[in-house]
Amino acid sequence: MIARVWRGWAGSPAAAEDYQRHYETDVAAHLQRVPGFLGARLLRQPAGDEVLFTSITYFTSMDDVCSFAGEDPGRAVVEETARRALSRWDERVSHHEVAVDFPRPPAPIDRAAMP
């Protein structure tokens, strides 16, 4: 599994909300159609007067990353809506082989709710 890591900064709380909404809707819809896409996380962190976002997307292989990113998989894919919401962003991304992946444990069973 390959993790694709990218960062972008929003210059205000309102812009951060716009970017997060874009990621939750447009980016999510696009990624769902990419072969080999396995999931994504968007991390959010205050960074002085800005809000830092770190996007981590997961793909089966680098071939699948290329089907998303094109001929230069290290080039960031930043759509126009994101460019309007963010004040700056990384032009390049990094790719990492996932060495260890702990799956989320199952939710506990609420026996009190059972008949």
C-alpha atoms as a PDB file:
ATOM      1  CA  MET A   1       0.000   0.000   0.000  1.00  0.00           C
ATOM      2  CA  ILE A   2       1.188   3.506  -0.854  1.00  0.00           C
ATOM      3  CA  ALA A   3       0.474   6.607   1.259  1.00  0.00           C
ATOM      4  CA  ARG A   4       0.504   9.903  -0.654  1.00  0.00           C
ATOM      5  CA  VAL A   5       1.147  12.874   1.664  1.00  0.00           C
ATOM      6  CA  TRP A   6       0.499  16.524   0.829  1.00  0.00           C
ATOM      7  CA  ARG A   7       0.092  19.787   2.791  1.00  0.00           C
ATOM      8  CA  GLY A   8      -1.820  23.017   2.234  1.00  0.00           C
ATOM      9  CA  TRP A   9      -2.428  26.096   4.382  1.00  0.00           C
ATOM     10  CA  ALA A  10      -5.582  28.181   4.702  1.00  0.00           C
ATOM     11  CA  GLY A  11      -5.129  31.828   5.700  1.00  0.00           C
ATOM     12  CA  SER A  12      -8.308  32.148   7.760  1.00  0.00           C
ATOM     13  CA  PRO A  13     -10.843  30.004   9.629  1.00  0.00           C
ATOM     14  CA  ALA A  14     -13.456  30.705   6.925  1.00  0.00           C
ATOM     15  CA  ALA A  15     -11.065  29.619   4.176  1.00  0.00           C
ATOM     16  CA  ALA A  16     -10.227  26.504   6.196  1.00  0.00           C
ATOM     17  CA  GLU A  17     -13.920  25.609   6.364  1.00  0.00           C
ATOM     18  CA  ASP A  18     -14.192  26.117   2.592  1.00  0.00           C
ATOM     19  CA  TYR A  19     -11.219  23.831   1.952  1.00  0.00           C
ATOM     20  CA  GLN A  20     -12.446  21.134   4.325  1.00  0.00           C
ATOM     21  CA  ARG A  21     -15.892  21.182   2.678  1.00  0.00           C
ATOM     22  CA  HIS A  22     -14.221  20.869  -0.760  1.00  0.00           C
ATOM     23  CA  TYR A  23     -12.179  17.883   0.454  1.00  0.00           C
ATOM     24  CA  GLU A  24     -15.224  16.170   1.988  1.00  0.00           C
ATOM     25  CA  THR A  25     -17.296  16.551  -1.185  1.00  0.00           C
ATOM     26  CA  ASP A  26     -15.406  17.127  -4.442  1.00  0.00           C
ATOM     27  CA  VAL A  27     -12.127  15.409  -3.544  1.00  0.00           C
ATOM     28  CA  ALA A  28     -13.928  12.461  -1.960  1.00  0.00           C
ATOM     29  CA  ALA A  29     -16.167  11.977  -5.004  1.00  0.00           C
ATOM     30  CA  HIS A  30     -13.193  12.119  -7.377  1.00  0.00           C
ATOM     31  CA  LEU A  31     -11.062   9.712  -5.356  1.00  0.00           C
ATOM     32  CA  GLN A  32     -13.883   7.162  -5.093  1.00  0.00           C
ATOM     33  CA  ARG A  33     -13.655   6.756  -8.882  1.00  0.00           C
ATOM     34  CA  VAL A  34      -9.870   6.166  -8.968  1.00  0.00           C
ATOM     35  CA  PRO A  35      -8.854   2.502  -9.398  1.00  0.00           C
ATOM     36  CA  GLY A  36      -6.833   1.263  -6.433  1.00  0.00           C
ATOM     37  CA  PHE A  37      -7.938   4.054  -4.085  1.00  0.00           C
ATOM     38  CA  LEU A  38      -8.075   2.638  -0.539  1.00  0.00           C
ATOM     39  CA  GLY A  39      -9.016   5.619   1.631  1.00  0.00           C
ATOM     40  CA  ALA A  40      -7.978   9.070   2.820  1.00  0.00           C
ATOM     41  CA  ARG A  41      -7.430  11.144   5.922  1.00  0.00           C
ATOM     42  CA  LEU A  42      -7.425  14.932   6.177  1.00  0.00           C
ATOM     43  CA  LEU A  43      -5.552  16.211   9.221  1.00  0.00           C
ATOM     44  CA  ARG A  44      -6.180  19.754  10.462  1.00  0.00           C
ATOM     45  CA  GLN A  45      -3.898  21.776  12.756  1.00  0.00           C
ATOM     46  CA  PRO A  46      -3.734  25.431  13.837  1.00  0.00           C
ATOM     47  CA  ALA A  47      -0.483  26.975  12.573  1.00  0.00           C
ATOM     48  CA  GLY A  48      -0.184  30.525  13.873  1.00  0.00           C
ATOM     49  CA  ASP A  49      -2.596  32.668  11.865  1.00  0.00           C
ATOM     50  CA  GLU A  50      -3.144  29.830   9.390  1.00  0.00           C
ATOM     51  CA  VAL A  51      -4.682  26.378   9.406  1.00  0.00           C
ATOM     52  CA  LEU A  52      -2.450  23.558   8.160  1.00  0.00           C
ATOM     53  CA  PHE A  53      -4.061  20.641   6.370  1.00  0.00           C
ATOM     54  CA  THR A  54      -2.228  17.389   5.742  1.00  0.00           C
ATOM     55  CA  SER A  55      -3.878  15.036   3.271  1.00  0.00           C
ATOM     56  CA  ILE A  56      -2.936  11.372   3.317  1.00  0.00           C
ATOM     57  CA  THR A  57      -4.436   9.245   0.570  1.00  0.00           C
ATOM     58  CA  TYR A  58      -3.912   5.517   0.255  1.00  0.00           C
ATOM     59  CA  PHE A  59      -3.540   3.545  -2.969  1.00  0.00           C
ATOM     60  CA  THR A  60      -2.829  -0.076  -3.760  1.00  0.00           C
ATOM     61  CA  SER A  61       0.269   0.693  -5.858  1.00  0.00           C
ATOM     62  CA  MET A  62       2.254   3.463  -7.559  1.00  0.00           C
ATOM     63  CA  ASP A  63       0.503   2.525 -10.807  1.00  0.00           C
ATOM     64  CA  ASP A  64      -2.772   3.468  -9.115  1.00  0.00           C
ATOM     65  CA  VAL A  65      -1.221   6.734  -7.850  1.00  0.00           C
ATOM     66  CA  CYS A  66      -0.280   7.517 -11.448  1.00  0.00           C
ATOM     67  CA  SER A  67      -3.851   6.911 -12.591  1.00  0.00           C
ATOM     68  CA  PHE A  68      -4.817   9.699 -10.157  1.00  0.00           C
ATOM     69  CA  ALA A  69      -1.847  12.075 -10.480  1.00  0.00           C
ATOM     70  CA  GLY A  70      -0.759  11.569 -14.084  1.00  0.00           C
ATOM     71  CA  GLU A  71       2.691  11.201 -15.616  1.00  0.00           C
ATOM     72  CA  ASP A  72       4.466  12.977 -12.750  1.00  0.00           C
ATOM     73  CA  PRO A  73       3.101  11.343  -9.590  1.00  0.00           C
ATOM     74  CA  GLY A  74       5.166  13.676  -7.387  1.00  0.00           C
ATOM     75  CA  ARG A  75       3.261  16.719  -8.671  1.00  0.00           C
ATOM     76  CA  ALA A  76       0.503  17.925  -6.368  1.00  0.00           C
ATOM     77  CA  VAL A  77      -3.032  17.781  -7.751  1.00  0.00           C
ATOM     78  CA  VAL A  78      -4.639  21.025  -6.524  1.00  0.00           C
ATOM     79  CA  GLU A  79      -8.019  21.824  -8.053  1.00  0.00           C
ATOM     80  CA  GLU A  80      -9.163  25.414  -8.644  1.00  0.00           C
ATOM     81  CA  THR A  81     -11.587  25.321  -5.699  1.00  0.00           C
ATOM     82  CA  ALA A  82      -8.718  24.344  -3.397  1.00  0.00           C
ATOM     83  CA  ARG A  83      -6.493  27.070  -4.871  1.00  0.00           C
ATOM     84  CA  ARG A  84      -9.131  29.667  -3.988  1.00  0.00           C
ATOM     85  CA  ALA A  85      -9.451  28.401  -0.384  1.00  0.00           C
ATOM     86  CA  LEU A  86      -5.757  27.896   0.382  1.00  0.00           C
ATOM     87  CA  SER A  87      -3.139  30.619   0.758  1.00  0.00           C
ATOM     88  CA  ARG A  88      -0.288  28.239  -0.118  1.00  0.00           C
ATOM     89  CA  TRP A  89       0.420  24.550  -0.650  1.00  0.00           C
ATOM     90  CA  ASP A  90       3.164  22.060  -1.379  1.00  0.00           C
ATOM     91  CA  GLU A  91       3.790  21.780  -5.117  1.00  0.00           C
ATOM     92  CA  ARG A  92       5.262  18.302  -4.593  1.00  0.00           C
ATOM     93  CA  VAL A  93       3.935  15.350  -2.623  1.00  0.00           C
ATOM     94  CA  SER A  94       5.739  12.488  -0.966  1.00  0.00           C
ATOM     95  CA  HIS A  95       4.951   8.806  -1.344  1.00  0.00           C
ATOM     96  CA  HIS A  96       5.565   6.229   1.341  1.00  0.00           C
ATOM     97  CA  GLU A  97       5.215   2.477   1.394  1.00  0.00           C
ATOM     98  CA  VAL A  98       2.959   1.595   4.321  1.00  0.00           C
ATOM     99  CA  ALA A  99       5.105  -0.710   6.433  1.00  0.00           C
ATOM    100  CA  VAL A 100       2.593  -1.389   9.230  1.00  0.00           C
ATOM    101  CA  ASP A 101      -1.173  -0.910   9.135  1.00  0.00           C
ATOM    102  CA  PHE A 102      -3.194  -1.492  12.287  1.00  0.00           C
ATOM    103  CA  PRO A 103      -6.862  -1.831  11.402  1.00  0.00           C
ATOM    104  CA  ARG A 104      -9.430  -0.104  13.572  1.00  0.00           C
ATOM    105  CA  PRO A 105     -10.743  -2.483  16.249  1.00  0.00           C
ATOM    106  CA  PRO A 106     -14.431  -3.385  15.981  1.00  0.00           C
ATOM    107  CA  ALA A 107     -16.860  -1.242  17.958  1.00  0.00           C
ATOM    108  CA  PRO A 108     -17.899  -2.776  21.271  1.00  0.00           C
ATOM    109  CA  ILE A 109     -21.324  -4.396  21.340  1.00  0.00           C
ATOM    110  CA  ASP A 110     -23.878  -2.441  23.398  1.00  0.00           C
ATOM    111  CA  ARG A 111     -25.555  -5.361  25.151  1.00  0.00           C
ATOM    112  CA  ALA A 112     -27.897  -2.998  27.050  1.00  0.00           C
ATOM    113  CA  ALA A 113     -29.496  -2.011  23.728  1.00  0.00           C
ATOM    114  CA  MET A 114     -30.151  -5.639  22.760  1.00  0.00           C
ATOM    115  CA  PRO A 115     -33.652  -7.082  23.336  1.00  0.00           C
END
